[in-house]
Protein backbone atom coordinates (compact mmCIF):
# COMPACT_ATOMS: atom_id res chain seq x y z
CA UNK A 1 -40.85 -69.03 -19.00
CA UNK A 2 -40.95 -72.64 -20.61
CA UNK A 3 -41.19 -72.47 -24.33
CA UNK A 4 -44.35 -74.39 -25.75
CA UNK A 5 -46.03 -76.65 -28.45
CA UNK A 6 -49.42 -76.95 -29.65
CA UNK A 7 -51.11 -80.16 -30.00
CA UNK A 8 -54.28 -80.76 -31.50
CA UNK A 9 -56.12 -84.28 -30.18
CA UNK A 10 -59.45 -85.11 -32.22
CA UNK A 11 -61.66 -88.25 -30.95
CA UNK A 12 -60.92 -87.50 -27.33
CA UNK A 13 -63.61 -89.89 -25.27
CA UNK A 14 -66.18 -88.12 -23.65
CA UNK A 15 -65.68 -90.06 -20.25
CA UNK A 16 -61.90 -88.74 -20.23
CA UNK A 17 -63.29 -85.33 -21.39
CA UNK A 18 -65.53 -85.54 -17.83
CA UNK A 19 -62.41 -86.41 -15.84
CA UNK A 20 -60.22 -83.63 -17.02
CA UNK A 21 -63.07 -80.95 -16.70
CA UNK A 22 -63.75 -82.52 -12.93
CA UNK A 23 -60.23 -82.59 -11.67
CA UNK A 24 -59.71 -78.86 -13.32
CA UNK A 25 -62.90 -77.45 -11.67
CA UNK A 26 -61.93 -79.08 -8.50
CA UNK A 27 -58.19 -77.91 -9.05
CA UNK A 28 -59.33 -74.60 -10.40
CA UNK A 29 -57.36 -74.83 -12.84
CA UNK A 30 -57.68 -75.11 -16.98
CA UNK A 31 -58.23 -78.64 -18.83
CA UNK A 32 -55.07 -77.41 -20.04
CA UNK A 33 -52.92 -77.53 -17.04
CA UNK A 34 -54.55 -80.99 -15.89
CA UNK A 35 -53.37 -82.74 -19.27
CA UNK A 36 -50.26 -81.68 -18.66
CA UNK A 37 -49.66 -82.59 -15.36
CA UNK A 38 -50.73 -85.53 -16.32
CA UNK A 39 -48.07 -85.77 -19.01
CA UNK A 40 -45.46 -84.35 -16.88
CA UNK A 41 -46.03 -87.08 -13.95
CA UNK A 42 -45.85 -89.33 -16.78
CA UNK A 43 -42.33 -88.41 -17.85
CA UNK A 44 -40.95 -87.79 -14.68
CA UNK A 45 -40.54 -83.90 -15.38
CA UNK A 46 -41.70 -80.90 -13.34
CA UNK A 47 -44.46 -78.60 -15.21
CA UNK A 48 -45.78 -74.94 -13.98
CA UNK A 49 -49.40 -74.18 -14.22
CA UNK A 50 -50.80 -71.70 -17.05
CA UNK A 51 -53.35 -71.09 -16.42
CA UNK A 52 -55.19 -70.07 -13.16
CA UNK A 53 -58.45 -70.20 -13.47
CA UNK A 54 -61.42 -73.46 -14.08
CA UNK A 55 -62.66 -72.73 -17.56
CA UNK A 56 -65.23 -76.32 -18.64
CA UNK A 57 -64.63 -75.53 -22.40
CA UNK A 58 -67.11 -77.40 -25.15
CA UNK A 59 -67.50 -80.92 -24.90
CA UNK A 60 -65.97 -81.29 -28.13
CA UNK A 61 -63.99 -84.47 -29.47
CA UNK A 62 -60.84 -82.04 -29.48
CA UNK A 63 -58.60 -81.03 -26.66
CA UNK A 64 -55.81 -78.39 -27.84
CA UNK A 65 -53.03 -78.77 -25.96
CA UNK A 66 -50.02 -76.59 -24.91
CA UNK A 67 -47.35 -78.40 -23.93
CA UNK A 68 -44.03 -77.72 -22.34
CA UNK A 69 -41.44 -78.42 -25.93
CA UNK A 70 -39.80 -81.38 -23.58
CA UNK A 71 -43.09 -82.89 -23.34
CA UNK A 72 -43.44 -82.96 -26.97
CA UNK A 73 -40.53 -84.13 -27.68
CA UNK A 74 -40.98 -87.39 -24.90
CA UNK A 75 -44.34 -87.76 -27.32
CA UNK A 76 -42.80 -88.10 -30.35
CA UNK A 77 -40.17 -90.55 -29.26
CA UNK A 78 -42.61 -92.72 -27.52
CA UNK A 79 -45.47 -92.56 -29.98
CA UNK A 80 -42.87 -93.54 -32.92
CA UNK A 81 -41.12 -96.33 -31.25
CA UNK A 82 -44.40 -97.61 -30.21
CA UNK A 83 -46.16 -97.02 -34.37
CA UNK A 84 -48.61 -94.77 -32.20
CA UNK A 85 -50.15 -91.27 -32.83
CA UNK A 86 -48.76 -88.82 -30.47
CA UNK A 87 -52.85 -87.89 -29.74
CA UNK A 88 -53.29 -91.50 -29.33
CA UNK A 89 -50.73 -92.09 -27.00
CA UNK A 90 -51.78 -88.60 -25.01
CA UNK A 91 -55.26 -90.19 -24.89
CA UNK A 92 -53.69 -93.84 -23.81
CA UNK A 93 -52.17 -92.03 -21.15
CA UNK A 94 -54.93 -90.36 -19.80
CA UNK A 95 -57.12 -92.94 -19.57
CA UNK A 96 -54.69 -95.09 -17.78
CA UNK A 97 -53.88 -91.73 -15.41
CA UNK A 98 -57.90 -92.01 -14.79
CA UNK A 99 -58.49 -96.06 -15.04
CA UNK A 100 -60.67 -96.07 -18.02
CA UNK A 101 -60.27 -98.49 -20.76
CA UNK A 102 -57.34 -97.56 -23.40
CA UNK A 103 -58.32 -97.40 -26.83
CA UNK A 104 -55.65 -98.35 -28.78
CA UNK A 105 -53.27 -95.95 -30.02
CA UNK A 106 -52.15 -97.14 -33.34
CA UNK A 107 -51.80 -94.68 -36.59
CA UNK A 108 -54.44 -94.73 -38.54
CA UNK A 109 -54.63 -96.33 -42.07
CA UNK A 110 -53.56 -94.33 -44.82
CA UNK A 111 -55.80 -93.68 -47.62
CA UNK A 112 -54.29 -95.24 -50.85
CA UNK A 113 -55.32 -92.72 -53.65
């Protein structure tokens, strides 16, 4: 069994979520499996599905992913080397996969106290 890591992504655009839902529905897999498959393909890694059926989820701007540790490691490295957030990088990869406009994946400005 592949060890997994959690990643919560906030600010998921509606169109990106709709594309994930549509692909999950057509493949009869979970939204998580679709997103993980896109990320694995991006990094040239093999990933097995984890959930056997489609569940549409909520139309929330948040996306909770359970991803293989190696994918999470690759995300951290790429995000850090480009000054991006991991969530922003995931949204960028998904947008490119679906041919959607890419939002900047830069880090959020830190609040000064």
